[in-house]
Amino acid sequence: MEHLRARAANSLRDLEDTVVALLAAAPNGLTNIDVTTTLGLHSDHLGNHRNYLSWSILGRLMRAGRVRGEKDEKGKMRYFSNE
């Protein structure tokens, strides 16, 4: 089981690095749906589109200080790379 846990940790790290690289290439920042659509990370729960995966990744990256969120003039959260 430990090898599966390590595999999952590596995959999560790859996803996080990919999101940071995407945000670094977007000087005006991106919304959660932009990240979700660009990387094909759409997810659902019981048939309802919630995109919990991308929200979780962005939250982890913000907590780690790799990403920051800022509200735009319309009040929509945009995410930016800190790297």
PDB file of N, CA and C in Angstrom:
ATOM      1  N   MET A   1       0.801  -1.204   0.000  1.00  0.00           N
ATOM      2  CA  MET A   1       0.000   0.000   0.000  1.00  0.00           C
ATOM      3  C   MET A   1       0.845   1.271   0.000  1.00  0.00           C
ATOM      4  N   GLU A   2       2.014   1.200   0.611  1.00  0.00           N
ATOM      5  CA  GLU A   2       2.856   2.396   0.689  1.00  0.00           C
ATOM      6  C   GLU A   2       3.247   2.897  -0.699  1.00  0.00           C
ATOM      7  N   HIS A   3       3.472   1.973  -1.636  1.00  0.00           N
ATOM      8  CA  HIS A   3       3.837   2.402  -2.991  1.00  0.00           C
ATOM      9  C   HIS A   3       2.675   3.139  -3.665  1.00  0.00           C
ATOM     10  N   LEU A   4       1.453   2.778  -3.321  1.00  0.00           N
ATOM     11  CA  LEU A   4       0.297   3.482  -3.881  1.00  0.00           C
ATOM     12  C   LEU A   4       0.178   4.888  -3.292  1.00  0.00           C
ATOM     13  N   ARG A   5       0.465   4.999  -2.012  1.00  0.00           N
ATOM     14  CA  ARG A   5       0.446   6.319  -1.362  1.00  0.00           C
ATOM     15  C   ARG A   5       1.514   7.227  -1.972  1.00  0.00           C
ATOM     16  N   ALA A   6       2.691   6.680  -2.206  1.00  0.00           N
ATOM     17  CA  ALA A   6       3.778   7.452  -2.821  1.00  0.00           C
ATOM     18  C   ALA A   6       3.403   7.857  -4.245  1.00  0.00           C
ATOM     19  N   ARG A   7       2.773   6.957  -4.953  1.00  0.00           N
ATOM     20  CA  ARG A   7       2.333   7.257  -6.322  1.00  0.00           C
ATOM     21  C   ARG A   7       1.319   8.396  -6.324  1.00  0.00           C
ATOM     22  N   ALA A   8       0.372   8.354  -5.400  1.00  0.00           N
ATOM     23  CA  ALA A   8      -0.632   9.418  -5.294  1.00  0.00           C
ATOM     24  C   ALA A   8       0.026  10.748  -4.927  1.00  0.00           C
ATOM     25  N   ALA A   9       0.974  10.719  -4.011  1.00  0.00           N
ATOM     26  CA  ALA A   9       1.675  11.943  -3.605  1.00  0.00           C
ATOM     27  C   ALA A   9       2.433  12.543  -4.784  1.00  0.00           C
ATOM     28  N   ASN A  10       3.071  11.700  -5.573  1.00  0.00           N
ATOM     29  CA  ASN A  10       3.793  12.183  -6.758  1.00  0.00           C
ATOM     30  C   ASN A  10       2.834  12.783  -7.777  1.00  0.00           C
ATOM     31  N   SER A  11       1.699  12.153  -7.962  1.00  0.00           N
ATOM     32  CA  SER A  11       0.701  12.657  -8.911  1.00  0.00           C
ATOM     33  C   SER A  11       0.146  14.002  -8.456  1.00  0.00           C
ATOM     34  N   LEU A  12      -0.118  14.127  -7.166  1.00  0.00           N
ATOM     35  CA  LEU A  12      -0.618  15.391  -6.631  1.00  0.00           C
ATOM     36  C   LEU A  12       0.422  16.496  -6.811  1.00  0.00           C
ATOM     37  N   ARG A  13       1.671  16.175  -6.544  1.00  0.00           N
ATOM     38  CA  ARG A  13       2.752  17.151  -6.731  1.00  0.00           C
ATOM     39  C   ARG A  13       2.831  17.578  -8.200  1.00  0.00           C
ATOM     40  N   ASP A  14       2.687  16.628  -9.118  1.00  0.00           N
ATOM     41  CA  ASP A  14       2.695  16.959 -10.550  1.00  0.00           C
ATOM     42  C   ASP A  14       1.531  17.885 -10.908  1.00  0.00           C
ATOM     43  N   LEU A  15       0.346  17.600 -10.383  1.00  0.00           N
ATOM     44  CA  LEU A  15      -0.816  18.458 -10.638  1.00  0.00           C
ATOM     45  C   LEU A  15      -0.580  19.865 -10.093  1.00  0.00           C
ATOM     46  N   GLU A  16      -0.062  19.947  -8.883  1.00  0.00           N
ATOM     47  CA  GLU A  16       0.204  21.257  -8.286  1.00  0.00           C
ATOM     48  C   GLU A  16       1.229  22.032  -9.108  1.00  0.00           C
ATOM     49  N   ASP A  17       2.297  21.374  -9.512  1.00  0.00           N
ATOM     50  CA  ASP A  17       3.323  22.039 -10.321  1.00  0.00           C
ATOM     51  C   ASP A  17       2.748  22.513 -11.654  1.00  0.00           C
ATOM     52  N   THR A  18       1.860  21.726 -12.231  1.00  0.00           N
ATOM     53  CA  THR A  18       1.236  22.089 -13.502  1.00  0.00           C
ATOM     54  C   THR A  18       0.341  23.315 -13.338  1.00  0.00           C
ATOM     55  N   VAL A  19      -0.427  23.365 -12.265  1.00  0.00           N
ATOM     56  CA  VAL A  19      -1.291  24.525 -12.013  1.00  0.00           C
ATOM     57  C   VAL A  19      -0.440  25.777 -11.799  1.00  0.00           C
ATOM     58  N   VAL A  20       0.635  25.668 -11.042  1.00  0.00           N
ATOM     59  CA  VAL A  20       1.512  26.824 -10.814  1.00  0.00           C
ATOM     60  C   VAL A  20       2.112  27.294 -12.140  1.00  0.00           C
ATOM     61  N   ALA A  21       2.549  26.376 -12.984  1.00  0.00           N
ATOM     62  CA  ALA A  21       3.113  26.745 -14.288  1.00  0.00           C
ATOM     63  C   ALA A  21       2.064  27.437 -15.155  1.00  0.00           C
ATOM     64  N   LEU A  22       0.843  26.934 -15.130  1.00  0.00           N
ATOM     65  CA  LEU A  22      -0.241  27.556 -15.889  1.00  0.00           C
ATOM     66  C   LEU A  22      -0.487  28.980 -15.399  1.00  0.00           C
ATOM     67  N   LEU A  23      -0.548  29.158 -14.093  1.00  0.00           N
ATOM     68  CA  LEU A  23      -0.784  30.490 -13.533  1.00  0.00           C
ATOM     69  C   LEU A  23       0.384  31.429 -13.823  1.00  0.00           C
ATOM     70  N   ALA A  24       1.596  30.912 -13.817  1.00  0.00           N
ATOM     71  CA  ALA A  24       2.769  31.737 -14.116  1.00  0.00           C
ATOM     72  C   ALA A  24       2.723  32.252 -15.553  1.00  0.00           C
ATOM     73  N   ALA A  25       2.068  31.510 -16.431  1.00  0.00           N
ATOM     74  CA  ALA A  25       1.960  31.905 -17.840  1.00  0.00           C
ATOM     75  C   ALA A  25       0.773  32.835 -18.092  1.00  0.00           C
ATOM     76  N   ALA A  26       0.039  33.172 -17.036  1.00  0.00           N
ATOM     77  CA  ALA A  26      -1.159  34.010 -17.171  1.00  0.00           C
ATOM     78  C   ALA A  26      -0.997  35.270 -16.318  1.00  0.00           C
ATOM     79  N   PRO A  27      -0.415  36.327 -16.878  1.00  0.00           N
ATOM     80  CA  PRO A  27      -0.146  37.529 -16.084  1.00  0.00           C
ATOM     81  C   PRO A  27      -1.392  38.185 -15.490  1.00  0.00           C
ATOM     82  N   ASN A  28      -2.552  37.958 -16.086  1.00  0.00           N
ATOM     83  CA  ASN A  28      -3.797  38.529 -15.561  1.00  0.00           C
ATOM     84  C   ASN A  28      -4.511  37.582 -14.608  1.00  0.00           C
ATOM     85  N   GLY A  29      -3.857  36.474 -14.281  1.00  0.00           N
ATOM     86  CA  GLY A  29      -4.453  35.495 -13.388  1.00  0.00           C
ATOM     87  C   GLY A  29      -5.531  34.684 -14.082  1.00  0.00           C
ATOM     88  N   LEU A  30      -5.982  33.651 -13.400  1.00  0.00           N
ATOM     89  CA  LEU A  30      -7.026  32.774 -13.927  1.00  0.00           C
ATOM     90  C   LEU A  30      -8.032  32.473 -12.825  1.00  0.00           C
ATOM     91  N   THR A  31      -9.257  32.223 -13.224  1.00  0.00           N
ATOM     92  CA  THR A  31     -10.280  31.787 -12.278  1.00  0.00           C
ATOM     93  C   THR A  31     -10.187  30.267 -12.124  1.00  0.00           C
ATOM     94  N   ASN A  32     -10.886  29.751 -11.147  1.00  0.00           N
ATOM     95  CA  ASN A  32     -10.933  28.300 -10.965  1.00  0.00           C
ATOM     96  C   ASN A  32     -11.431  27.618 -12.233  1.00  0.00           C
ATOM     97  N   ILE A  33     -12.475  28.154 -12.845  1.00  0.00           N
ATOM     98  CA  ILE A  33     -13.019  27.511 -14.047  1.00  0.00           C
ATOM     99  C   ILE A  33     -12.032  27.589 -15.201  1.00  0.00           C
ATOM    100  N   ASP A  34     -11.231  28.661 -15.268  1.00  0.00           N
ATOM    101  CA  ASP A  34     -10.185  28.745 -16.293  1.00  0.00           C
ATOM    102  C   ASP A  34      -9.177  27.607 -16.114  1.00  0.00           C
ATOM    103  N   VAL A  35      -8.745  27.410 -14.876  1.00  0.00           N
ATOM    104  CA  VAL A  35      -7.792  26.334 -14.577  1.00  0.00           C
ATOM    105  C   VAL A  35      -8.414  24.987 -14.916  1.00  0.00           C
ATOM    106  N   THR A  36      -9.643  24.796 -14.469  1.00  0.00           N
ATOM    107  CA  THR A  36     -10.351  23.537 -14.692  1.00  0.00           C
ATOM    108  C   THR A  36     -10.483  23.222 -16.176  1.00  0.00           C
ATOM    109  N   THR A  37     -10.918  24.204 -16.947  1.00  0.00           N
ATOM    110  CA  THR A  37     -11.144  24.002 -18.378  1.00  0.00           C
ATOM    111  C   THR A  37      -9.833  23.796 -19.127  1.00  0.00           C
ATOM    112  N   THR A  38      -8.849  24.635 -18.845  1.00  0.00           N
ATOM    113  CA  THR A  38      -7.575  24.552 -19.559  1.00  0.00           C
ATOM    114  C   THR A  38      -6.890  23.212 -19.342  1.00  0.00           C
ATOM    115  N   LEU A  39      -6.942  22.716 -18.117  1.00  0.00           N
ATOM    116  CA  LEU A  39      -6.242  21.464 -17.798  1.00  0.00           C
ATOM    117  C   LEU A  39      -7.139  20.227 -17.869  1.00  0.00           C
ATOM    118  N   GLY A  40      -8.406  20.421 -18.198  1.00  0.00           N
ATOM    119  CA  GLY A  40      -9.313  19.279 -18.304  1.00  0.00           C
ATOM    120  C   GLY A  40      -9.563  18.594 -16.974  1.00  0.00           C
ATOM    121  N   LEU A  41      -9.702  19.381 -15.911  1.00  0.00           N
ATOM    122  CA  LEU A  41      -9.873  18.828 -14.567  1.00  0.00           C
ATOM    123  C   LEU A  41     -11.320  18.847 -14.083  1.00  0.00           C
ATOM    124  N   HIS A  42     -12.267  18.913 -15.004  1.00  0.00           N
ATOM    125  CA  HIS A  42     -13.672  18.924 -14.587  1.00  0.00           C
ATOM    126  C   HIS A  42     -13.968  17.699 -13.732  1.00  0.00           C
ATOM    127  N   SER A  43     -14.648  17.926 -12.646  1.00  0.00           N
ATOM    128  CA  SER A  43     -15.034  16.825 -11.774  1.00  0.00           C
ATOM    129  C   SER A  43     -16.458  17.060 -11.311  1.00  0.00           C
ATOM    130  N   ASP A  44     -17.095  15.999 -10.887  1.00  0.00           N
ATOM    131  CA  ASP A  44     -18.461  16.147 -10.403  1.00  0.00           C
ATOM    132  C   ASP A  44     -18.685  15.242  -9.206  1.00  0.00           C
ATOM    133  N   HIS A  45     -19.754  15.541  -8.534  1.00  0.00           N
ATOM    134  CA  HIS A  45     -20.183  14.731  -7.397  1.00  0.00           C
ATOM    135  C   HIS A  45     -21.662  14.459  -7.584  1.00  0.00           C
ATOM    136  N   LEU A  46     -21.995  13.205  -7.739  1.00  0.00           N
ATOM    137  CA  LEU A  46     -23.380  12.790  -7.948  1.00  0.00           C
ATOM    138  C   LEU A  46     -24.015  13.507  -9.137  1.00  0.00           C
ATOM    139  N   GLY A  47     -23.205  13.716 -10.177  1.00  0.00           N
ATOM    140  CA  GLY A  47     -23.716  14.322 -11.400  1.00  0.00           C
ATOM    141  C   GLY A  47     -23.726  15.836 -11.424  1.00  0.00           C
ATOM    142  N   ASN A  48     -23.411  16.464 -10.309  1.00  0.00           N
ATOM    143  CA  ASN A  48     -23.366  17.925 -10.254  1.00  0.00           C
ATOM    144  C   ASN A  48     -21.926  18.388 -10.410  1.00  0.00           C
ATOM    145  N   HIS A  49     -21.702  19.284 -11.352  1.00  0.00           N
ATOM    146  CA  HIS A  49     -20.350  19.795 -11.565  1.00  0.00           C
ATOM    147  C   HIS A  49     -19.957  20.684 -10.397  1.00  0.00           C
ATOM    148  N   ARG A  50     -18.936  20.277  -9.690  1.00  0.00           N
ATOM    149  CA  ARG A  50     -18.470  21.013  -8.520  1.00  0.00           C
ATOM    150  C   ARG A  50     -17.000  21.398  -8.649  1.00  0.00           C
ATOM    151  N   ASN A  51     -16.258  20.631  -9.425  1.00  0.00           N
ATOM    152  CA  ASN A  51     -14.829  20.887  -9.619  1.00  0.00           C
ATOM    153  C   ASN A  51     -14.068  20.954  -8.303  1.00  0.00           C
ATOM    154  N   TYR A  52     -14.398  20.052  -7.401  1.00  0.00           N
ATOM    155  CA  TYR A  52     -13.725  20.009  -6.108  1.00  0.00           C
ATOM    156  C   TYR A  52     -12.227  19.762  -6.249  1.00  0.00           C
ATOM    157  N   LEU A  53     -11.838  19.011  -7.263  1.00  0.00           N
ATOM    158  CA  LEU A  53     -10.416  18.707  -7.441  1.00  0.00           C
ATOM    159  C   LEU A  53      -9.611  19.984  -7.632  1.00  0.00           C
ATOM    160  N   SER A  54     -10.045  20.841  -8.548  1.00  0.00           N
ATOM    161  CA  SER A  54      -9.291  22.074  -8.797  1.00  0.00           C
ATOM    162  C   SER A  54      -9.347  23.010  -7.595  1.00  0.00           C
ATOM    163  N   TRP A  55     -10.493  23.077  -6.917  1.00  0.00           N
ATOM    164  CA  TRP A  55     -10.578  23.906  -5.707  1.00  0.00           C
ATOM    165  C   TRP A  55      -9.594  23.403  -4.653  1.00  0.00           C
ATOM    166  N   SER A  56      -9.511  22.102  -4.500  1.00  0.00           N
ATOM    167  CA  SER A  56      -8.599  21.525  -3.507  1.00  0.00           C
ATOM    168  C   SER A  56      -7.146  21.813  -3.854  1.00  0.00           C
ATOM    169  N   ILE A  57      -6.806  21.683  -5.125  1.00  0.00           N
ATOM    170  CA  ILE A  57      -5.433  21.955  -5.545  1.00  0.00           C
ATOM    171  C   ILE A  57      -5.093  23.424  -5.304  1.00  0.00           C
ATOM    172  N   LEU A  58      -5.985  24.326  -5.712  1.00  0.00           N
ATOM    173  CA  LEU A  58      -5.732  25.757  -5.495  1.00  0.00           C
ATOM    174  C   LEU A  58      -5.616  26.075  -4.003  1.00  0.00           C
ATOM    175  N   GLY A  59      -6.457  25.474  -3.193  1.00  0.00           N
ATOM    176  CA  GLY A  59      -6.396  25.696  -1.746  1.00  0.00           C
ATOM    177  C   GLY A  59      -5.074  25.232  -1.154  1.00  0.00           C
ATOM    178  N   ARG A  60      -4.615  24.067  -1.566  1.00  0.00           N
ATOM    179  CA  ARG A  60      -3.325  23.559  -1.083  1.00  0.00           C
ATOM    180  C   ARG A  60      -2.190  24.489  -1.501  1.00  0.00           C
ATOM    181  N   LEU A  61      -2.249  24.962  -2.741  1.00  0.00           N
ATOM    182  CA  LEU A  61      -1.198  25.849  -3.244  1.00  0.00           C
ATOM    183  C   LEU A  61      -1.211  27.196  -2.524  1.00  0.00           C
ATOM    184  N   MET A  62      -2.391  27.698  -2.202  1.00  0.00           N
ATOM    185  CA  MET A  62      -2.476  28.957  -1.455  1.00  0.00           C
ATOM    186  C   MET A  62      -1.915  28.774  -0.047  1.00  0.00           C
ATOM    187  N   ARG A  63      -2.273  27.679   0.589  1.00  0.00           N
ATOM    188  CA  ARG A  63      -1.781  27.402   1.942  1.00  0.00           C
ATOM    189  C   ARG A  63      -0.254  27.276   1.948  1.00  0.00           C
ATOM    190  N   ALA A  64       0.302  26.748   0.867  1.00  0.00           N
ATOM    191  CA  ALA A  64       1.753  26.589   0.756  1.00  0.00           C
ATOM    192  C   ALA A  64       2.443  27.881   0.322  1.00  0.00           C
ATOM    193  N   GLY A  65       1.652  28.899  -0.037  1.00  0.00           N
ATOM    194  CA  GLY A  65       2.220  30.178  -0.452  1.00  0.00           C
ATOM    195  C   GLY A  65       2.693  30.213  -1.894  1.00  0.00           C
ATOM    196  N   ARG A  66       2.358  29.198  -2.657  1.00  0.00           N
ATOM    197  CA  ARG A  66       2.790  29.143  -4.058  1.00  0.00           C
ATOM    198  C   ARG A  66       1.850  29.914  -4.978  1.00  0.00           C
ATOM    199  N   VAL A  67       0.631  30.152  -4.503  1.00  0.00           N
ATOM    200  CA  VAL A  67      -0.412  30.816  -5.287  1.00  0.00           C
ATOM    201  C   VAL A  67      -1.116  31.812  -4.380  1.00  0.00           C
ATOM    202  N   ARG A  68      -1.590  32.897  -4.962  1.00  0.00           N
ATOM    203  CA  ARG A  68      -2.402  33.859  -4.215  1.00  0.00           C
ATOM    204  C   ARG A  68      -3.681  34.124  -4.999  1.00  0.00           C
ATOM    205  N   GLY A  69      -4.721  34.486  -4.287  1.00  0.00           N
ATOM    206  CA  GLY A  69      -5.987  34.825  -4.913  1.00  0.00           C
ATOM    207  C   GLY A  69      -6.307  36.289  -4.690  1.00  0.00           C
ATOM    208  N   GLU A  70      -6.822  36.934  -5.722  1.00  0.00           N
ATOM    209  CA  GLU A  70      -7.230  38.338  -5.637  1.00  0.00           C
ATOM    210  C   GLU A  70      -8.565  38.488  -6.348  1.00  0.00           C
ATOM    211  N   LYS A  71      -9.472  39.238  -5.737  1.00  0.00           N
ATOM    212  CA  LYS A  71     -10.757  39.486  -6.387  1.00  0.00           C
ATOM    213  C   LYS A  71     -10.585  40.555  -7.460  1.00  0.00           C
ATOM    214  N   ASP A  72     -11.207  40.313  -8.608  1.00  0.00           N
ATOM    215  CA  ASP A  72     -11.150  41.301  -9.683  1.00  0.00           C
ATOM    216  C   ASP A  72     -12.255  42.339  -9.493  1.00  0.00           C
ATOM    217  N   GLU A  73     -12.391  43.244 -10.451  1.00  0.00           N
ATOM    218  CA  GLU A  73     -13.356  44.343 -10.327  1.00  0.00           C
ATOM    219  C   GLU A  73     -14.804  43.856 -10.267  1.00  0.00           C
ATOM    220  N   LYS A  74     -15.049  42.637 -10.724  1.00  0.00           N
ATOM    221  CA  LYS A  74     -16.398  42.062 -10.672  1.00  0.00           C
ATOM    222  C   LYS A  74     -16.598  41.199  -9.429  1.00  0.00           C
ATOM    223  N   GLY A  75     -15.574  41.128  -8.585  1.00  0.00           N
ATOM    224  CA  GLY A  75     -15.667  40.337  -7.364  1.00  0.00           C
ATOM    225  C   GLY A  75     -15.336  38.867  -7.552  1.00  0.00           C
ATOM    226  N   LYS A  76     -14.861  38.515  -8.739  1.00  0.00           N
ATOM    227  CA  LYS A  76     -14.515  37.129  -9.032  1.00  0.00           C
ATOM    228  C   LYS A  76     -13.064  36.872  -8.628  1.00  0.00           C
ATOM    229  N   MET A  77     -12.821  35.743  -7.969  1.00  0.00           N
ATOM    230  CA  MET A  77     -11.477  35.410  -7.517  1.00  0.00           C
ATOM    231  C   MET A  77     -10.615  34.968  -8.693  1.00  0.00           C
ATOM    232  N   ARG A  78      -9.451  35.587  -8.799  1.00  0.00           N
ATOM    233  CA  ARG A  78      -8.467  35.217  -9.811  1.00  0.00           C
ATOM    234  C   ARG A  78      -7.218  34.761  -9.066  1.00  0.00           C
ATOM    235  N   TYR A  79      -6.564  33.761  -9.612  1.00  0.00           N
ATOM    236  CA  TYR A  79      -5.405  33.162  -8.962  1.00  0.00           C
ATOM    237  C   TYR A  79      -4.142  33.484  -9.749  1.00  0.00           C
ATOM    238  N   PHE A  80      -3.067  33.719  -8.999  1.00  0.00           N
ATOM    239  CA  PHE A  80      -1.783  34.106  -9.570  1.00  0.00           C
ATOM    240  C   PHE A  80      -0.684  33.255  -8.945  1.00  0.00           C
ATOM    241  N   SER A  81       0.327  32.973  -9.740  1.00  0.00           N
ATOM    242  CA  SER A  81       1.486  32.252  -9.224  1.00  0.00           C
ATOM    243  C   SER A  81       2.350  33.200  -8.410  1.00  0.00           C
ATOM    244  N   ASN A  82       2.897  32.721  -7.322  1.00  0.00           N
ATOM    245  CA  ASN A  82       3.880  33.468  -6.541  1.00  0.00           C
ATOM    246  C   ASN A  82       5.296  33.041  -6.908  1.00  0.00           C
ATOM    247  N   GLU A  83       5.418  32.209  -7.911  1.00  0.00           N
ATOM    248  CA  GLU A  83       6.746  31.693  -8.285  1.00  0.00           C
ATOM    249  C   GLU A  83       7.210  32.297  -9.590  1.00  0.00           C
TER     250      GLU A  83
END
